[in-house]
Amino acid sequence: MKQQGVYFTVEKIRDAYLGVKSKVQMLLTVFREHNAELRLRIGKNITAKGVQKYGRAIDNIFIERFWRNIKYEKIYLKPSDDGLELYDKIKSNLTLEDRCLKIGSI
């Protein structure tokens, strides 16, 4: 089969589906590359505000991951009896993460 001057075979379709010979990248790397390409296109076919929207999406990834961890570790796996106990769990988790970040930066 030929489309736009490129031949497609069953093997190529199968390999693409299975990810054979594909470059594995972290999702954040893909987002950053995408945003860098968008910044180059500002004024051509995208606005600066449009690019900012994608930048905020990356920022939100970290916040979403943080709250997902809190939700699963502190609420679902070990439910609290009251709000104060939950507050103490979240506070201890933040203190631990802060210590780990400081130790890791040394």
N, C-alpha and C. Protein backbone atom coordinates (compact mmCIF):
# COMPACT_ATOMS: atom_id res chain seq x y z
N MET A 1 0.85 -1.16 0.00
CA MET A 1 0.00 0.00 0.00
C MET A 1 0.91 1.24 0.00
N LYS A 2 0.53 2.24 -0.75
CA LYS A 2 1.32 3.45 -0.85
C LYS A 2 0.45 4.67 -0.52
N GLN A 3 0.97 5.51 0.38
CA GLN A 3 0.25 6.72 0.74
C GLN A 3 1.26 7.85 0.87
N GLN A 4 1.03 8.93 0.16
CA GLN A 4 1.90 10.11 0.14
C GLN A 4 3.34 9.73 -0.20
N GLY A 5 3.51 8.82 -1.14
CA GLY A 5 4.83 8.44 -1.61
C GLY A 5 5.58 7.48 -0.71
N VAL A 6 4.95 6.99 0.35
CA VAL A 6 5.59 6.06 1.28
C VAL A 6 4.85 4.73 1.24
N TYR A 7 5.63 3.66 1.13
CA TYR A 7 5.02 2.33 1.11
C TYR A 7 4.81 1.81 2.52
N PHE A 8 3.62 1.27 2.75
CA PHE A 8 3.29 0.66 4.03
C PHE A 8 3.14 -0.83 3.81
N THR A 9 3.77 -1.59 4.69
CA THR A 9 3.64 -3.04 4.63
C THR A 9 3.01 -3.52 5.93
N VAL A 10 2.59 -4.75 5.93
CA VAL A 10 2.02 -5.34 7.13
C VAL A 10 3.07 -5.32 8.25
N GLU A 11 4.31 -5.60 7.90
CA GLU A 11 5.38 -5.62 8.89
C GLU A 11 5.59 -4.24 9.51
N LYS A 12 5.57 -3.18 8.69
CA LYS A 12 5.76 -1.82 9.22
C LYS A 12 4.62 -1.44 10.14
N ILE A 13 3.41 -1.79 9.77
CA ILE A 13 2.26 -1.48 10.62
C ILE A 13 2.34 -2.26 11.92
N ARG A 14 2.69 -3.55 11.85
CA ARG A 14 2.83 -4.37 13.04
C ARG A 14 3.92 -3.81 13.96
N ASP A 15 5.09 -3.47 13.39
CA ASP A 15 6.19 -2.94 14.19
C ASP A 15 5.83 -1.61 14.83
N ALA A 16 5.11 -0.76 14.12
CA ALA A 16 4.68 0.51 14.69
C ALA A 16 3.71 0.28 15.84
N TYR A 17 2.81 -0.67 15.67
CA TYR A 17 1.84 -0.99 16.72
C TYR A 17 2.54 -1.55 17.96
N LEU A 18 3.53 -2.41 17.76
CA LEU A 18 4.22 -3.04 18.87
C LEU A 18 5.35 -2.18 19.44
N GLY A 19 5.67 -1.10 18.75
CA GLY A 19 6.73 -0.23 19.24
C GLY A 19 8.13 -0.72 18.91
N VAL A 20 8.24 -1.62 17.96
CA VAL A 20 9.55 -2.14 17.56
C VAL A 20 10.33 -1.03 16.89
N LYS A 21 11.59 -0.90 17.26
CA LYS A 21 12.50 0.10 16.69
C LYS A 21 12.05 1.53 17.00
N SER A 22 11.23 1.70 17.99
CA SER A 22 10.80 3.05 18.33
C SER A 22 11.65 3.57 19.48
N LYS A 23 11.84 4.87 19.50
CA LYS A 23 12.63 5.52 20.53
C LYS A 23 11.74 5.74 21.76
N VAL A 24 12.19 5.24 22.89
CA VAL A 24 11.43 5.38 24.13
C VAL A 24 11.81 6.71 24.78
N GLN A 25 10.79 7.51 25.11
CA GLN A 25 11.01 8.80 25.74
C GLN A 25 10.07 8.96 26.91
N MET A 26 10.53 9.71 27.88
CA MET A 26 9.67 10.06 29.00
C MET A 26 8.63 11.07 28.51
N LEU A 27 7.45 11.02 29.08
CA LEU A 27 6.38 11.91 28.65
C LEU A 27 6.75 13.37 28.83
N LEU A 28 7.43 13.70 29.92
CA LEU A 28 7.83 15.09 30.14
C LEU A 28 8.80 15.58 29.07
N THR A 29 9.67 14.68 28.60
CA THR A 29 10.60 15.05 27.53
C THR A 29 9.83 15.37 26.26
N VAL A 30 8.84 14.56 25.96
CA VAL A 30 8.01 14.80 24.77
C VAL A 30 7.29 16.14 24.90
N PHE A 31 6.73 16.42 26.09
CA PHE A 31 6.05 17.71 26.31
C PHE A 31 7.01 18.88 26.11
N ARG A 32 8.22 18.76 26.67
CA ARG A 32 9.19 19.86 26.56
C ARG A 32 9.59 20.10 25.11
N GLU A 33 9.83 19.02 24.36
CA GLU A 33 10.18 19.16 22.94
C GLU A 33 9.03 19.81 22.17
N HIS A 34 7.82 19.37 22.47
CA HIS A 34 6.63 19.93 21.82
C HIS A 34 6.52 21.43 22.10
N ASN A 35 6.72 21.81 23.37
CA ASN A 35 6.61 23.22 23.73
C ASN A 35 7.71 24.05 23.08
N ALA A 36 8.91 23.48 22.97
CA ALA A 36 10.00 24.21 22.31
C ALA A 36 9.66 24.45 20.83
N GLU A 37 9.08 23.45 20.19
CA GLU A 37 8.67 23.62 18.79
C GLU A 37 7.57 24.68 18.67
N LEU A 38 6.64 24.69 19.61
CA LEU A 38 5.57 25.68 19.58
C LEU A 38 6.12 27.10 19.76
N ARG A 39 7.10 27.26 20.66
CA ARG A 39 7.67 28.60 20.86
C ARG A 39 8.28 29.14 19.58
N LEU A 40 8.83 28.26 18.76
CA LEU A 40 9.41 28.69 17.48
C LEU A 40 8.34 29.14 16.49
N ARG A 41 7.10 28.68 16.70
CA ARG A 41 6.01 28.99 15.77
C ARG A 41 5.14 30.15 16.23
N ILE A 42 5.52 30.81 17.34
CA ILE A 42 4.73 31.95 17.81
C ILE A 42 4.71 33.02 16.73
N GLY A 43 3.51 33.52 16.44
CA GLY A 43 3.35 34.55 15.42
C GLY A 43 3.09 34.00 14.04
N LYS A 44 3.41 32.73 13.81
CA LYS A 44 3.16 32.12 12.50
C LYS A 44 1.77 31.49 12.48
N ASN A 45 1.58 30.50 13.33
CA ASN A 45 0.27 29.86 13.37
C ASN A 45 -0.19 29.54 14.80
N ILE A 46 0.46 30.18 15.77
CA ILE A 46 0.04 30.00 17.17
C ILE A 46 0.39 31.28 17.94
N THR A 47 -0.40 31.57 18.95
CA THR A 47 -0.17 32.78 19.74
C THR A 47 0.67 32.44 20.97
N ALA A 48 1.23 33.46 21.59
CA ALA A 48 2.02 33.26 22.81
C ALA A 48 1.15 32.70 23.93
N LYS A 49 -0.10 33.13 23.98
CA LYS A 49 -1.01 32.60 25.02
C LYS A 49 -1.27 31.12 24.81
N GLY A 50 -1.33 30.70 23.57
CA GLY A 50 -1.51 29.27 23.28
C GLY A 50 -0.33 28.45 23.78
N VAL A 51 0.86 28.97 23.62
CA VAL A 51 2.06 28.28 24.11
C VAL A 51 2.08 28.25 25.63
N GLN A 52 1.66 29.34 26.27
CA GLN A 52 1.60 29.38 27.74
C GLN A 52 0.68 28.29 28.28
N LYS A 53 -0.40 28.02 27.57
CA LYS A 53 -1.34 26.98 27.99
C LYS A 53 -0.63 25.63 28.10
N TYR A 54 0.22 25.31 27.14
CA TYR A 54 0.93 24.05 27.17
C TYR A 54 1.97 24.03 28.29
N GLY A 55 2.59 25.17 28.57
CA GLY A 55 3.55 25.25 29.67
C GLY A 55 2.89 25.00 31.01
N ARG A 56 1.69 25.52 31.18
CA ARG A 56 0.96 25.30 32.43
C ARG A 56 0.59 23.84 32.59
N ALA A 57 0.36 23.15 31.49
CA ALA A 57 0.02 21.72 31.56
C ALA A 57 1.16 20.93 32.19
N ILE A 58 2.40 21.29 31.85
CA ILE A 58 3.55 20.60 32.45
C ILE A 58 3.62 20.90 33.94
N ASP A 59 3.39 22.15 34.32
CA ASP A 59 3.40 22.51 35.74
C ASP A 59 2.34 21.70 36.49
N ASN A 60 1.18 21.51 35.88
CA ASN A 60 0.10 20.80 36.54
C ASN A 60 0.41 19.32 36.73
N ILE A 61 1.28 18.76 35.91
CA ILE A 61 1.63 17.34 36.04
C ILE A 61 2.19 17.05 37.42
N PHE A 62 3.07 17.93 37.90
CA PHE A 62 3.69 17.70 39.20
C PHE A 62 2.69 17.83 40.33
N ILE A 63 1.80 18.81 40.24
CA ILE A 63 0.77 18.99 41.27
C ILE A 63 -0.19 17.80 41.26
N GLU A 64 -0.59 17.36 40.08
CA GLU A 64 -1.50 16.22 39.98
C GLU A 64 -0.86 14.96 40.57
N ARG A 65 0.43 14.75 40.29
CA ARG A 65 1.12 13.58 40.83
C ARG A 65 1.19 13.66 42.35
N PHE A 66 1.48 14.84 42.86
CA PHE A 66 1.54 15.01 44.31
C PHE A 66 0.21 14.65 44.96
N TRP A 67 -0.89 15.20 44.45
CA TRP A 67 -2.20 14.92 45.05
C TRP A 67 -2.65 13.49 44.82
N ARG A 68 -2.24 12.90 43.70
CA ARG A 68 -2.57 11.48 43.47
C ARG A 68 -1.89 10.62 44.52
N ASN A 69 -0.61 10.92 44.80
CA ASN A 69 0.10 10.15 45.83
C ASN A 69 -0.55 10.32 47.19
N ILE A 70 -0.90 11.54 47.53
CA ILE A 70 -1.59 11.79 48.81
C ILE A 70 -2.89 11.01 48.86
N LYS A 71 -3.65 11.08 47.78
CA LYS A 71 -4.95 10.42 47.75
C LYS A 71 -4.82 8.91 47.96
N TYR A 72 -3.92 8.28 47.23
CA TYR A 72 -3.80 6.83 47.34
C TYR A 72 -3.13 6.39 48.62
N GLU A 73 -2.01 7.04 48.97
CA GLU A 73 -1.25 6.60 50.14
C GLU A 73 -1.91 6.98 51.46
N LYS A 74 -2.47 8.16 51.52
CA LYS A 74 -2.96 8.67 52.80
C LYS A 74 -4.47 8.55 52.98
N ILE A 75 -5.21 8.38 51.90
CA ILE A 75 -6.67 8.30 52.03
C ILE A 75 -7.18 6.89 51.74
N TYR A 76 -6.82 6.34 50.57
CA TYR A 76 -7.35 5.03 50.21
C TYR A 76 -6.69 3.88 50.96
N LEU A 77 -5.36 3.88 51.02
CA LEU A 77 -4.66 2.75 51.64
C LEU A 77 -4.70 2.80 53.17
N LYS A 78 -4.62 3.99 53.72
CA LYS A 78 -4.63 4.15 55.18
C LYS A 78 -5.61 5.25 55.54
N PRO A 79 -6.91 4.96 55.53
CA PRO A 79 -7.90 6.01 55.80
C PRO A 79 -7.74 6.61 57.20
N SER A 80 -7.96 7.90 57.30
CA SER A 80 -7.86 8.60 58.59
C SER A 80 -9.21 8.59 59.29
N ASP A 81 -9.16 8.67 60.61
CA ASP A 81 -10.39 8.72 61.40
C ASP A 81 -11.02 10.10 61.37
N ASP A 82 -10.19 11.14 61.23
CA ASP A 82 -10.71 12.50 61.21
C ASP A 82 -9.79 13.41 60.40
N GLY A 83 -10.19 14.65 60.24
CA GLY A 83 -9.43 15.61 59.44
C GLY A 83 -8.08 15.95 60.03
N LEU A 84 -7.98 15.97 61.36
CA LEU A 84 -6.72 16.30 62.01
C LEU A 84 -5.67 15.22 61.75
N GLU A 85 -6.10 13.98 61.80
CA GLU A 85 -5.18 12.87 61.52
C GLU A 85 -4.70 12.93 60.07
N LEU A 86 -5.59 13.23 59.15
CA LEU A 86 -5.22 13.37 57.74
C LEU A 86 -4.25 14.52 57.56
N TYR A 87 -4.51 15.65 58.23
CA TYR A 87 -3.60 16.80 58.18
C TYR A 87 -2.21 16.40 58.65
N ASP A 88 -2.13 15.67 59.76
CA ASP A 88 -0.83 15.25 60.30
C ASP A 88 -0.10 14.33 59.32
N LYS A 89 -0.83 13.45 58.64
CA LYS A 89 -0.22 12.55 57.66
C LYS A 89 0.35 13.34 56.48
N ILE A 90 -0.42 14.29 55.99
CA ILE A 90 0.04 15.09 54.84
C ILE A 90 1.24 15.94 55.25
N LYS A 91 1.18 16.51 56.46
CA LYS A 91 2.29 17.34 56.94
C LYS A 91 3.56 16.50 57.08
N SER A 92 3.46 15.30 57.62
CA SER A 92 4.64 14.45 57.76
C SER A 92 5.18 14.04 56.39
N ASN A 93 4.30 13.82 55.43
CA ASN A 93 4.72 13.46 54.08
C ASN A 93 5.48 14.62 53.44
N LEU A 94 4.98 15.84 53.60
CA LEU A 94 5.65 17.02 53.04
C LEU A 94 7.01 17.24 53.71
N THR A 95 7.08 17.04 55.01
CA THR A 95 8.34 17.20 55.74
C THR A 95 9.36 16.18 55.25
N LEU A 96 8.92 14.94 55.06
CA LEU A 96 9.81 13.89 54.57
C LEU A 96 10.32 14.21 53.17
N GLU A 97 9.41 14.64 52.27
CA GLU A 97 9.82 14.98 50.92
C GLU A 97 10.79 16.15 50.92
N ASP A 98 10.57 17.13 51.78
CA ASP A 98 11.46 18.29 51.87
C ASP A 98 12.85 17.84 52.31
N ARG A 99 12.92 16.96 53.31
CA ARG A 99 14.22 16.45 53.77
C ARG A 99 14.92 15.68 52.66
N CYS A 100 14.18 14.85 51.95
CA CYS A 100 14.77 14.06 50.86
C CYS A 100 15.32 14.97 49.76
N LEU A 101 14.59 16.04 49.45
CA LEU A 101 15.07 16.96 48.43
C LEU A 101 16.35 17.66 48.87
N LYS A 102 16.41 18.05 50.15
CA LYS A 102 17.60 18.72 50.65
C LYS A 102 18.80 17.77 50.67
N ILE A 103 18.58 16.52 51.06
CA ILE A 103 19.67 15.54 51.08
C ILE A 103 20.13 15.24 49.65
N GLY A 104 19.17 15.13 48.73
CA GLY A 104 19.50 14.81 47.35
C GLY A 104 20.24 15.93 46.65
N SER A 105 20.10 17.16 47.12
CA SER A 105 20.76 18.29 46.46
C SER A 105 22.17 18.52 46.98
N ILE A 106 22.57 17.77 47.98
CA ILE A 106 23.92 17.95 48.54
C ILE A 106 24.95 17.31 47.63
